[in-house]
Amino acid sequence: MKKGIYAFLKGSFLTDDTALKNWKLIIFVVVLLLIMITSAHNADKKVIKISDLNKKKRELRAEYVDTGTILMRMKMESNIRQKAQERGLRPLKNPPQKIIVTQKD
């Protein structure tokens, strides 16, 4: 057992006659590790991008709600009356009359 551990620490499994099989396995494992690291980094980038887009979506939704509130206030009858008075318009003293048109055959 001591010889096996000592040989492993020395690295003789990489330099003896059957080393080609060991090198193939080591290279395969290293390539798999590189692929795993790359895919993990790509996943992290996508998570960060999704987070940024969600933040931007929340900001745009808040702006949409604010704009809708401002529009509702502008459409209120009291605001329209006030703006009309600034332009010199005022409400009618006599209400409008409905005109009914009838056709005789």
PDB file of N, CA and C in Angstrom:
ATOM      1  N   MET A   1       0.824  -1.196   0.000  1.00  0.00           N
ATOM      2  CA  MET A   1       0.000   0.000   0.000  1.00  0.00           C
ATOM      3  C   MET A   1       0.864   1.253   0.000  1.00  0.00           C
ATOM      4  N   LYS A   2       1.963   1.232   0.766  1.00  0.00           N
ATOM      5  CA  LYS A   2       2.847   2.394   0.805  1.00  0.00           C
ATOM      6  C   LYS A   2       3.486   2.627  -0.553  1.00  0.00           C
ATOM      7  N   LYS A   3       3.814   1.532  -1.241  1.00  0.00           N
ATOM      8  CA  LYS A   3       4.419   1.681  -2.569  1.00  0.00           C
ATOM      9  C   LYS A   3       3.417   2.296  -3.543  1.00  0.00           C
ATOM     10  N   GLY A   4       2.146   1.902  -3.435  1.00  0.00           N
ATOM     11  CA  GLY A   4       1.115   2.438  -4.327  1.00  0.00           C
ATOM     12  C   GLY A   4       0.916   3.925  -4.113  1.00  0.00           C
ATOM     13  N   ILE A   5       0.878   4.344  -2.855  1.00  0.00           N
ATOM     14  CA  ILE A   5       0.700   5.767  -2.549  1.00  0.00           C
ATOM     15  C   ILE A   5       1.943   6.540  -2.968  1.00  0.00           C
ATOM     16  N   TYR A   6       3.132   5.970  -2.685  1.00  0.00           N
ATOM     17  CA  TYR A   6       4.375   6.646  -3.044  1.00  0.00           C
ATOM     18  C   TYR A   6       4.498   6.764  -4.562  1.00  0.00           C
ATOM     19  N   ALA A   7       4.100   5.718  -5.281  1.00  0.00           N
ATOM     20  CA  ALA A   7       4.163   5.750  -6.747  1.00  0.00           C
ATOM     21  C   ALA A   7       3.178   6.786  -7.297  1.00  0.00           C
ATOM     22  N   PHE A   8       2.012   6.864  -6.669  1.00  0.00           N
ATOM     23  CA  PHE A   8       1.023   7.851  -7.105  1.00  0.00           C
ATOM     24  C   PHE A   8       1.532   9.270  -6.885  1.00  0.00           C
ATOM     25  N   LEU A   9       2.131   9.502  -5.697  1.00  0.00           N
ATOM     26  CA  LEU A   9       2.646  10.839  -5.397  1.00  0.00           C
ATOM     27  C   LEU A   9       3.819  11.198  -6.293  1.00  0.00           C
ATOM     28  N   LYS A  10       4.596  10.205  -6.652  1.00  0.00           N
ATOM     29  CA  LYS A  10       5.724  10.436  -7.545  1.00  0.00           C
ATOM     30  C   LYS A  10       5.266  10.745  -8.969  1.00  0.00           C
ATOM     31  N   GLY A  11       4.099  10.246  -9.330  1.00  0.00           N
ATOM     32  CA  GLY A  11       3.584  10.496 -10.670  1.00  0.00           C
ATOM     33  C   GLY A  11       3.997   9.430 -11.651  1.00  0.00           C
ATOM     34  N   SER A  12       4.374   8.254 -11.169  1.00  0.00           N
ATOM     35  CA  SER A  12       4.825   7.204 -12.084  1.00  0.00           C
ATOM     36  C   SER A  12       3.673   6.696 -12.951  1.00  0.00           C
ATOM     37  N   PHE A  13       2.436   6.877 -12.540  1.00  0.00           N
ATOM     38  CA  PHE A  13       1.319   6.432 -13.369  1.00  0.00           C
ATOM     39  C   PHE A  13       1.197   7.251 -14.653  1.00  0.00           C
ATOM     40  N   LEU A  14       1.918   8.374 -14.706  1.00  0.00           N
ATOM     41  CA  LEU A  14       1.905   9.197 -15.917  1.00  0.00           C
ATOM     42  C   LEU A  14       3.092   8.919 -16.827  1.00  0.00           C
ATOM     43  N   THR A  15       4.082   8.197 -16.313  1.00  0.00           N
ATOM     44  CA  THR A  15       5.306   8.009 -17.099  1.00  0.00           C
ATOM     45  C   THR A  15       5.600   6.556 -17.437  1.00  0.00           C
ATOM     46  N   ASP A  16       4.847   5.607 -16.909  1.00  0.00           N
ATOM     47  CA  ASP A  16       5.147   4.205 -17.206  1.00  0.00           C
ATOM     48  C   ASP A  16       4.550   3.783 -18.546  1.00  0.00           C
ATOM     49  N   ASP A  17       4.568   2.496 -18.849  1.00  0.00           N
ATOM     50  CA  ASP A  17       4.159   1.992 -20.163  1.00  0.00           C
ATOM     51  C   ASP A  17       2.661   2.159 -20.425  1.00  0.00           C
ATOM     52  N   THR A  18       1.831   2.094 -19.411  1.00  0.00           N
ATOM     53  CA  THR A  18       0.374   2.233 -19.596  1.00  0.00           C
ATOM     54  C   THR A  18      -0.093   3.671 -19.404  1.00  0.00           C
ATOM     55  N   ALA A  19       0.806   4.600 -19.502  1.00  0.00           N
ATOM     56  CA  ALA A  19       0.485   6.013 -19.245  1.00  0.00           C
ATOM     57  C   ALA A  19      -0.452   6.599 -20.306  1.00  0.00           C
ATOM     58  N   LEU A  20      -0.444   6.053 -21.522  1.00  0.00           N
ATOM     59  CA  LEU A  20      -1.285   6.603 -22.585  1.00  0.00           C
ATOM     60  C   LEU A  20      -2.770   6.530 -22.198  1.00  0.00           C
ATOM     61  N   LYS A  21      -3.188   5.429 -21.611  1.00  0.00           N
ATOM     62  CA  LYS A  21      -4.575   5.310 -21.166  1.00  0.00           C
ATOM     63  C   LYS A  21      -4.880   6.344 -20.083  1.00  0.00           C
ATOM     64  N   ASN A  22      -3.933   6.524 -19.176  1.00  0.00           N
ATOM     65  CA  ASN A  22      -4.132   7.495 -18.097  1.00  0.00           C
ATOM     66  C   ASN A  22      -4.212   8.914 -18.647  1.00  0.00           C
ATOM     67  N   TRP A  23      -3.369   9.247 -19.603  1.00  0.00           N
ATOM     68  CA  TRP A  23      -3.385  10.588 -20.182  1.00  0.00           C
ATOM     69  C   TRP A  23      -4.710  10.864 -20.906  1.00  0.00           C
ATOM     70  N   LYS A  24      -5.215   9.855 -21.625  1.00  0.00           N
ATOM     71  CA  LYS A  24      -6.498  10.034 -22.314  1.00  0.00           C
ATOM     72  C   LYS A  24      -7.601  10.348 -21.306  1.00  0.00           C
ATOM     73  N   LEU A  25      -7.624   9.611 -20.211  1.00  0.00           N
ATOM     74  CA  LEU A  25      -8.640   9.838 -19.190  1.00  0.00           C
ATOM     75  C   LEU A  25      -8.490  11.217 -18.553  1.00  0.00           C
ATOM     76  N   ILE A  26      -7.266  11.610 -18.256  1.00  0.00           N
ATOM     77  CA  ILE A  26      -7.019  12.926 -17.644  1.00  0.00           C
ATOM     78  C   ILE A  26      -7.450  14.049 -18.585  1.00  0.00           C
ATOM     79  N   ILE A  27      -7.096  13.930 -19.853  1.00  0.00           N
ATOM     80  CA  ILE A  27      -7.474  14.965 -20.824  1.00  0.00           C
ATOM     81  C   ILE A  27      -8.994  15.013 -20.961  1.00  0.00           C
ATOM     82  N   PHE A  28      -9.649  13.843 -20.990  1.00  0.00           N
ATOM     83  CA  PHE A  28     -11.104  13.799 -21.072  1.00  0.00           C
ATOM     84  C   PHE A  28     -11.751  14.491 -19.878  1.00  0.00           C
ATOM     85  N   VAL A  29     -11.241  14.226 -18.691  1.00  0.00           N
ATOM     86  CA  VAL A  29     -11.785  14.847 -17.479  1.00  0.00           C
ATOM     87  C   VAL A  29     -11.565  16.355 -17.505  1.00  0.00           C
ATOM     88  N   VAL A  30     -10.397  16.803 -17.944  1.00  0.00           N
ATOM     89  CA  VAL A  30     -10.105  18.242 -18.008  1.00  0.00           C
ATOM     90  C   VAL A  30     -11.034  18.926 -19.007  1.00  0.00           C
ATOM     91  N   VAL A  31     -11.275  18.299 -20.156  1.00  0.00           N
ATOM     92  CA  VAL A  31     -12.176  18.888 -21.150  1.00  0.00           C
ATOM     93  C   VAL A  31     -13.593  18.985 -20.580  1.00  0.00           C
ATOM     94  N   LEU A  32     -14.046  17.930 -19.891  1.00  0.00           N
ATOM     95  CA  LEU A  32     -15.367  17.982 -19.268  1.00  0.00           C
ATOM     96  C   LEU A  32     -15.449  19.087 -18.224  1.00  0.00           C
ATOM     97  N   LEU A  33     -14.411  19.278 -17.445  1.00  0.00           N
ATOM     98  CA  LEU A  33     -14.395  20.350 -16.443  1.00  0.00           C
ATOM     99  C   LEU A  33     -14.456  21.724 -17.106  1.00  0.00           C
ATOM    100  N   LEU A  34     -13.730  21.886 -18.201  1.00  0.00           N
ATOM    101  CA  LEU A  34     -13.762  23.176 -18.905  1.00  0.00           C
ATOM    102  C   LEU A  34     -15.160  23.450 -19.471  1.00  0.00           C
ATOM    103  N   ILE A  35     -15.792  22.430 -20.015  1.00  0.00           N
ATOM    104  CA  ILE A  35     -17.154  22.602 -20.544  1.00  0.00           C
ATOM    105  C   ILE A  35     -18.114  22.961 -19.412  1.00  0.00           C
ATOM    106  N   MET A  36     -17.971  22.300 -18.268  1.00  0.00           N
ATOM    107  CA  MET A  36     -18.842  22.577 -17.132  1.00  0.00           C
ATOM    108  C   MET A  36     -18.652  24.010 -16.629  1.00  0.00           C
ATOM    109  N   ILE A  37     -17.421  24.465 -16.541  1.00  0.00           N
ATOM    110  CA  ILE A  37     -17.141  25.826 -16.080  1.00  0.00           C
ATOM    111  C   ILE A  37     -17.727  26.847 -17.056  1.00  0.00           C
ATOM    112  N   THR A  38     -17.555  26.588 -18.354  1.00  0.00           N
ATOM    113  CA  THR A  38     -18.080  27.509 -19.371  1.00  0.00           C
ATOM    114  C   THR A  38     -19.601  27.596 -19.295  1.00  0.00           C
ATOM    115  N   SER A  39     -20.250  26.453 -19.173  1.00  0.00           N
ATOM    116  CA  SER A  39     -21.715  26.484 -19.115  1.00  0.00           C
ATOM    117  C   SER A  39     -22.208  27.159 -17.835  1.00  0.00           C
ATOM    118  N   ALA A  40     -21.488  27.000 -16.740  1.00  0.00           N
ATOM    119  CA  ALA A  40     -21.866  27.676 -15.492  1.00  0.00           C
ATOM    120  C   ALA A  40     -21.746  29.184 -15.641  1.00  0.00           C
ATOM    121  N   HIS A  41     -20.691  29.654 -16.294  1.00  0.00           N
ATOM    122  CA  HIS A  41     -20.528  31.098 -16.517  1.00  0.00           C
ATOM    123  C   HIS A  41     -21.632  31.636 -17.425  1.00  0.00           C
ATOM    124  N   ASN A  42     -21.979  30.886 -18.466  1.00  0.00           N
ATOM    125  CA  ASN A  42     -23.053  31.330 -19.360  1.00  0.00           C
ATOM    126  C   ASN A  42     -24.386  31.398 -18.622  1.00  0.00           C
ATOM    127  N   ALA A  43     -24.642  30.423 -17.770  1.00  0.00           N
ATOM    128  CA  ALA A  43     -25.880  30.439 -16.984  1.00  0.00           C
ATOM    129  C   ALA A  43     -25.903  31.643 -16.042  1.00  0.00           C
ATOM    130  N   ASP A  44     -24.778  31.956 -15.423  1.00  0.00           N
ATOM    131  CA  ASP A  44     -24.707  33.122 -14.531  1.00  0.00           C
ATOM    132  C   ASP A  44     -24.972  34.420 -15.297  1.00  0.00           C
ATOM    133  N   LYS A  45     -24.423  34.519 -16.509  1.00  0.00           N
ATOM    134  CA  LYS A  45     -24.657  35.712 -17.324  1.00  0.00           C
ATOM    135  C   LYS A  45     -26.141  35.863 -17.634  1.00  0.00           C
ATOM    136  N   LYS A  46     -26.797  34.745 -17.965  1.00  0.00           N
ATOM    137  CA  LYS A  46     -28.220  34.804 -18.286  1.00  0.00           C
ATOM    138  C   LYS A  46     -29.041  35.190 -17.065  1.00  0.00           C
ATOM    139  N   VAL A  47     -28.684  34.690 -15.899  1.00  0.00           N
ATOM    140  CA  VAL A  47     -29.402  35.037 -14.675  1.00  0.00           C
ATOM    141  C   VAL A  47     -29.271  36.526 -14.387  1.00  0.00           C
ATOM    142  N   ILE A  48     -28.081  37.075 -14.575  1.00  0.00           N
ATOM    143  CA  ILE A  48     -27.856  38.506 -14.348  1.00  0.00           C
ATOM    144  C   ILE A  48     -28.667  39.332 -15.346  1.00  0.00           C
ATOM    145  N   LYS A  49     -28.698  38.895 -16.611  1.00  0.00           N
ATOM    146  CA  LYS A  49     -29.458  39.623 -17.629  1.00  0.00           C
ATOM    147  C   LYS A  49     -30.953  39.587 -17.316  1.00  0.00           C
ATOM    148  N   ILE A  50     -31.452  38.429 -16.871  1.00  0.00           N
ATOM    149  CA  ILE A  50     -32.866  38.316 -16.505  1.00  0.00           C
ATOM    150  C   ILE A  50     -33.188  39.234 -15.339  1.00  0.00           C
ATOM    151  N   SER A  51     -32.295  39.312 -14.375  1.00  0.00           N
ATOM    152  CA  SER A  51     -32.502  40.192 -13.223  1.00  0.00           C
ATOM    153  C   SER A  51     -32.569  41.657 -13.654  1.00  0.00           C
ATOM    154  N   ASP A  52     -31.667  42.052 -14.540  1.00  0.00           N
ATOM    155  CA  ASP A  52     -31.681  43.435 -15.034  1.00  0.00           C
ATOM    156  C   ASP A  52     -32.971  43.738 -15.794  1.00  0.00           C
ATOM    157  N   LEU A  53     -33.416  42.787 -16.629  1.00  0.00           N
ATOM    158  CA  LEU A  53     -34.638  43.003 -17.394  1.00  0.00           C
ATOM    159  C   LEU A  53     -35.865  43.084 -16.478  1.00  0.00           C
ATOM    160  N   ASN A  54     -35.901  42.275 -15.428  1.00  0.00           N
ATOM    161  CA  ASN A  54     -37.013  42.351 -14.468  1.00  0.00           C
ATOM    162  C   ASN A  54     -37.028  43.698 -13.753  1.00  0.00           C
ATOM    163  N   LYS A  55     -35.845  44.200 -13.419  1.00  0.00           N
ATOM    164  CA  LYS A  55     -35.755  45.511 -12.765  1.00  0.00           C
ATOM    165  C   LYS A  55     -36.272  46.606 -13.696  1.00  0.00           C
ATOM    166  N   LYS A  56     -35.868  46.536 -14.969  1.00  0.00           N
ATOM    167  CA  LYS A  56     -36.313  47.527 -15.944  1.00  0.00           C
ATOM    168  C   LYS A  56     -37.829  47.423 -16.150  1.00  0.00           C
ATOM    169  N   LYS A  57     -38.366  46.184 -16.149  1.00  0.00           N
ATOM    170  CA  LYS A  57     -39.799  45.980 -16.316  1.00  0.00           C
ATOM    171  C   LYS A  57     -40.572  46.620 -15.163  1.00  0.00           C
ATOM    172  N   ARG A  58     -40.073  46.454 -13.936  1.00  0.00           N
ATOM    173  CA  ARG A  58     -40.745  47.063 -12.781  1.00  0.00           C
ATOM    174  C   ARG A  58     -40.731  48.584 -12.881  1.00  0.00           C
ATOM    175  N   GLU A  59     -39.610  49.144 -13.328  1.00  0.00           N
ATOM    176  CA  GLU A  59     -39.527  50.605 -13.482  1.00  0.00           C
ATOM    177  C   GLU A  59     -40.521  51.094 -14.540  1.00  0.00           C
ATOM    178  N   LEU A  60     -40.594  50.391 -15.668  1.00  0.00           N
ATOM    179  CA  LEU A  60     -41.511  50.802 -16.729  1.00  0.00           C
ATOM    180  C   LEU A  60     -42.971  50.655 -16.297  1.00  0.00           C
ATOM    181  N   ARG A  61     -43.287  49.617 -15.522  1.00  0.00           N
ATOM    182  CA  ARG A  61     -44.658  49.447 -15.032  1.00  0.00           C
ATOM    183  C   ARG A  61     -45.023  50.591 -14.084  1.00  0.00           C
ATOM    184  N   ALA A  62     -44.078  50.987 -13.217  1.00  0.00           N
ATOM    185  CA  ALA A  62     -44.343  52.102 -12.304  1.00  0.00           C
ATOM    186  C   ALA A  62     -44.558  53.394 -13.093  1.00  0.00           C
ATOM    187  N   GLU A  63     -43.764  53.599 -14.131  1.00  0.00           N
ATOM    188  CA  GLU A  63     -43.930  54.787 -14.967  1.00  0.00           C
ATOM    189  C   GLU A  63     -45.285  54.761 -15.678  1.00  0.00           C
ATOM    190  N   TYR A  64     -45.705  53.586 -16.126  1.00  0.00           N
ATOM    191  CA  TYR A  64     -47.004  53.444 -16.789  1.00  0.00           C
ATOM    192  C   TYR A  64     -48.145  53.797 -15.836  1.00  0.00           C
ATOM    193  N   VAL A  65     -48.063  53.320 -14.613  1.00  0.00           N
ATOM    194  CA  VAL A  65     -49.113  53.616 -13.628  1.00  0.00           C
ATOM    195  C   VAL A  65     -49.139  55.103 -13.310  1.00  0.00           C
ATOM    196  N   ASP A  66     -47.962  55.713 -13.151  1.00  0.00           N
ATOM    197  CA  ASP A  66     -47.898  57.152 -12.879  1.00  0.00           C
ATOM    198  C   ASP A  66     -48.500  57.959 -14.029  1.00  0.00           C
ATOM    199  N   THR A  67     -48.172  57.563 -15.246  1.00  0.00           N
ATOM    200  CA  THR A  67     -48.700  58.275 -16.408  1.00  0.00           C
ATOM    201  C   THR A  67     -50.215  58.135 -16.495  1.00  0.00           C
ATOM    202  N   GLY A  68     -50.725  56.933 -16.193  1.00  0.00           N
ATOM    203  CA  GLY A  68     -52.172  56.733 -16.197  1.00  0.00           C
ATOM    204  C   GLY A  68     -52.858  57.597 -15.154  1.00  0.00           C
ATOM    205  N   THR A  69     -52.247  57.724 -13.979  1.00  0.00           N
ATOM    206  CA  THR A  69     -52.818  58.563 -12.922  1.00  0.00           C
ATOM    207  C   THR A  69     -52.849  60.025 -13.346  1.00  0.00           C
ATOM    208  N   ILE A  70     -51.769  60.490 -13.939  1.00  0.00           N
ATOM    209  CA  ILE A  70     -51.713  61.883 -14.414  1.00  0.00           C
ATOM    210  C   ILE A  70     -52.777  62.117 -15.484  1.00  0.00           C
ATOM    211  N   LEU A  71     -52.930  61.162 -16.391  1.00  0.00           N
ATOM    212  CA  LEU A  71     -53.934  61.302 -17.452  1.00  0.00           C
ATOM    213  C   LEU A  71     -55.345  61.354 -16.875  1.00  0.00           C
ATOM    214  N   MET A  72     -55.631  60.515 -15.886  1.00  0.00           N
ATOM    215  CA  MET A  72     -56.959  60.537 -15.263  1.00  0.00           C
ATOM    216  C   MET A  72     -57.226  61.876 -14.598  1.00  0.00           C
ATOM    217  N   ARG A  73     -56.229  62.439 -13.960  1.00  0.00           N
ATOM    218  CA  ARG A  73     -56.411  63.747 -13.326  1.00  0.00           C
ATOM    219  C   ARG A  73     -56.649  64.839 -14.364  1.00  0.00           C
ATOM    220  N   MET A  74     -55.961  64.730 -15.506  1.00  0.00           N
ATOM    221  CA  MET A  74     -56.143  65.740 -16.545  1.00  0.00           C
ATOM    222  C   MET A  74     -57.530  65.658 -17.168  1.00  0.00           C
ATOM    223  N   LYS A  75     -58.127  64.468 -17.217  1.00  0.00           N
ATOM    224  CA  LYS A  75     -59.435  64.291 -17.835  1.00  0.00           C
ATOM    225  C   LYS A  75     -60.590  64.631 -16.897  1.00  0.00           C
ATOM    226  N   MET A  76     -60.307  64.910 -15.650  1.00  0.00           N
ATOM    227  CA  MET A  76     -61.379  65.214 -14.702  1.00  0.00           C
ATOM    228  C   MET A  76     -62.126  66.472 -15.140  1.00  0.00           C
ATOM    229  N   GLU A  77     -63.441  66.486 -14.913  1.00  0.00           N
ATOM    230  CA  GLU A  77     -64.275  67.585 -15.371  1.00  0.00           C
ATOM    231  C   GLU A  77     -63.858  68.915 -14.739  1.00  0.00           C
ATOM    232  N   SER A  78     -63.451  68.891 -13.482  1.00  0.00           N
ATOM    233  CA  SER A  78     -63.055  70.139 -12.829  1.00  0.00           C
ATOM    234  C   SER A  78     -61.811  70.731 -13.503  1.00  0.00           C
ATOM    235  N   ASN A  79     -60.878  69.899 -13.888  1.00  0.00           N
ATOM    236  CA  ASN A  79     -59.691  70.419 -14.580  1.00  0.00           C
ATOM    237  C   ASN A  79     -60.041  70.961 -15.954  1.00  0.00           C
ATOM    238  N   ILE A  80     -60.931  70.271 -16.646  1.00  0.00           N
ATOM    239  CA  ILE A  80     -61.326  70.740 -17.977  1.00  0.00           C
ATOM    240  C   ILE A  80     -62.057  72.074 -17.867  1.00  0.00           C
ATOM    241  N   ARG A  81     -62.940  72.205 -16.868  1.00  0.00           N
ATOM    242  CA  ARG A  81     -63.640  73.485 -16.676  1.00  0.00           C
ATOM    243  C   ARG A  81     -62.654  74.605 -16.393  1.00  0.00           C
ATOM    244  N   GLN A  82     -61.673  74.327 -15.545  1.00  0.00           N
ATOM    245  CA  GLN A  82     -60.685  75.359 -15.196  1.00  0.00           C
ATOM    246  C   GLN A  82     -59.893  75.784 -16.423  1.00  0.00           C
ATOM    247  N   LYS A  83     -59.484  74.839 -17.243  1.00  0.00           N
ATOM    248  CA  LYS A  83     -58.723  75.184 -18.448  1.00  0.00           C
ATOM    249  C   LYS A  83     -59.590  75.930 -19.455  1.00  0.00           C
ATOM    250  N   ALA A  84     -60.863  75.570 -19.514  1.00  0.00           N
ATOM    251  CA  ALA A  84     -61.770  76.266 -20.428  1.00  0.00           C
ATOM    252  C   ALA A  84     -61.979  77.713 -19.966  1.00  0.00           C
ATOM    253  N   GLN A  85     -62.081  77.952 -18.647  1.00  0.00           N
ATOM    254  CA  GLN A  85     -62.243  79.321 -18.143  1.00  0.00           C
ATOM    255  C   GLN A  85     -60.988  80.140 -18.435  1.00  0.00           C
ATOM    256  N   GLU A  86     -59.818  79.518 -18.383  1.00  0.00           N
ATOM    257  CA  GLU A  86     -58.586  80.248 -18.707  1.00  0.00           C
ATOM    258  C   GLU A  86     -58.603  80.711 -20.160  1.00  0.00           C
ATOM    259  N   ARG A  87     -59.270  79.968 -21.023  1.00  0.00           N
ATOM    260  CA  ARG A  87     -59.352  80.337 -22.435  1.00  0.00           C
ATOM    261  C   ARG A  87     -60.545  81.253 -22.731  1.00  0.00           C
ATOM    262  N   GLY A  88     -61.307  81.540 -21.711  1.00  0.00           N
ATOM    263  CA  GLY A  88     -62.433  82.449 -21.898  1.00  0.00           C
ATOM    264  C   GLY A  88     -63.749  81.736 -22.143  1.00  0.00           C
ATOM    265  N   LEU A  89     -63.813  80.447 -22.022  1.00  0.00           N
ATOM    266  CA  LEU A  89     -65.059  79.706 -22.192  1.00  0.00           C
ATOM    267  C   LEU A  89     -65.720  79.535 -20.838  1.00  0.00           C
ATOM    268  N   ARG A  90     -67.049  79.500 -20.840  1.00  0.00           N
ATOM    269  CA  ARG A  90     -67.752  79.299 -19.578  1.00  0.00           C
ATOM    270  C   ARG A  90     -68.948  78.405 -19.844  1.00  0.00           C
ATOM    271  N   PRO A  91     -69.493  77.798 -18.783  1.00  0.00           N
ATOM    272  CA  PRO A  91     -70.658  76.917 -18.984  1.00  0.00           C
ATOM    273  C   PRO A  91     -71.869  77.707 -19.451  1.00  0.00           C
ATOM    274  N   LEU A  92     -72.767  77.050 -20.163  1.00  0.00           N
ATOM    275  CA  LEU A  92     -73.983  77.700 -20.668  1.00  0.00           C
ATOM    276  C   LEU A  92     -74.957  77.979 -19.522  1.00  0.00           C
ATOM    277  N   LYS A  93     -75.678  79.113 -19.642  1.00  0.00           N
ATOM    278  CA  LYS A  93     -76.719  79.410 -18.655  1.00  0.00           C
ATOM    279  C   LYS A  93     -77.976  78.616 -18.984  1.00  0.00           C
ATOM    280  N   ASN A  94     -78.276  78.484 -20.255  1.00  0.00           N
ATOM    281  CA  ASN A  94     -79.429  77.692 -20.702  1.00  0.00           C
ATOM    282  C   ASN A  94     -78.904  76.362 -21.242  1.00  0.00           C
ATOM    283  N   PRO A  95     -79.478  75.278 -20.815  1.00  0.00           N
ATOM    284  CA  PRO A  95     -79.008  73.986 -21.326  1.00  0.00           C
ATOM    285  C   PRO A  95     -79.328  73.850 -22.810  1.00  0.00           C
ATOM    286  N   PRO A  96     -78.591  73.053 -23.528  1.00  0.00           N
ATOM    287  CA  PRO A  96     -78.852  72.885 -24.968  1.00  0.00           C
ATOM    288  C   PRO A  96     -80.197  72.179 -25.190  1.00  0.00           C
ATOM    289  N   GLN A  97     -80.799  72.484 -26.345  1.00  0.00           N
ATOM    290  CA  GLN A  97     -82.086  71.893 -26.673  1.00  0.00           C
ATOM    291  C   GLN A  97     -81.871  70.789 -27.699  1.00  0.00           C
ATOM    292  N   LYS A  98     -82.639  69.756 -27.526  1.00  0.00           N
ATOM    293  CA  LYS A  98     -82.533  68.622 -28.417  1.00  0.00           C
ATOM    294  C   LYS A  98     -83.406  68.881 -29.640  1.00  0.00           C
ATOM    295  N   ILE A  99     -82.842  68.677 -30.806  1.00  0.00           N
ATOM    296  CA  ILE A  99     -83.570  68.886 -32.062  1.00  0.00           C
ATOM    297  C   ILE A  99     -83.937  67.515 -32.614  1.00  0.00           C
ATOM    298  N   ILE A 100     -85.218  67.325 -32.852  1.00  0.00           N
ATOM    299  CA  ILE A 100     -85.686  66.050 -33.386  1.00  0.00           C
ATOM    300  C   ILE A 100     -86.152  66.291 -34.811  1.00  0.00           C
ATOM    301  N   VAL A 101     -85.623  65.527 -35.702  1.00  0.00           N
ATOM    302  CA  VAL A 101     -85.981  65.646 -37.119  1.00  0.00           C
ATOM    303  C   VAL A 101     -86.888  64.479 -37.478  1.00  0.00           C
ATOM    304  N   THR A 102     -88.043  64.805 -38.022  1.00  0.00           N
ATOM    305  CA  THR A 102     -88.983  63.759 -38.475  1.00  0.00           C
ATOM    306  C   THR A 102     -89.204  63.929 -39.961  1.00  0.00           C
ATOM    307  N   GLN A 103     -89.375  62.841 -40.629  1.00  0.00           N
ATOM    308  CA  GLN A 103     -89.609  62.877 -42.077  1.00  0.00           C
ATOM    309  C   GLN A 103     -91.040  62.431 -42.357  1.00  0.00           C
ATOM    310  N   LYS A 104     -91.691  63.191 -43.202  1.00  0.00           N
ATOM    311  CA  LYS A 104     -93.054  62.828 -43.607  1.00  0.00           C
ATOM    312  C   LYS A 104     -92.997  62.217 -44.985  1.00  0.00           C
ATOM    313  N   ASP A 105     -93.693  61.144 -45.117  1.00  0.00           N
ATOM    314  CA  ASP A 105     -93.719  60.484 -46.422  1.00  0.00           C
ATOM    315  C   ASP A 105     -94.777  61.052 -47.325  1.00  0.00           C
TER     316      ASP A 105
END
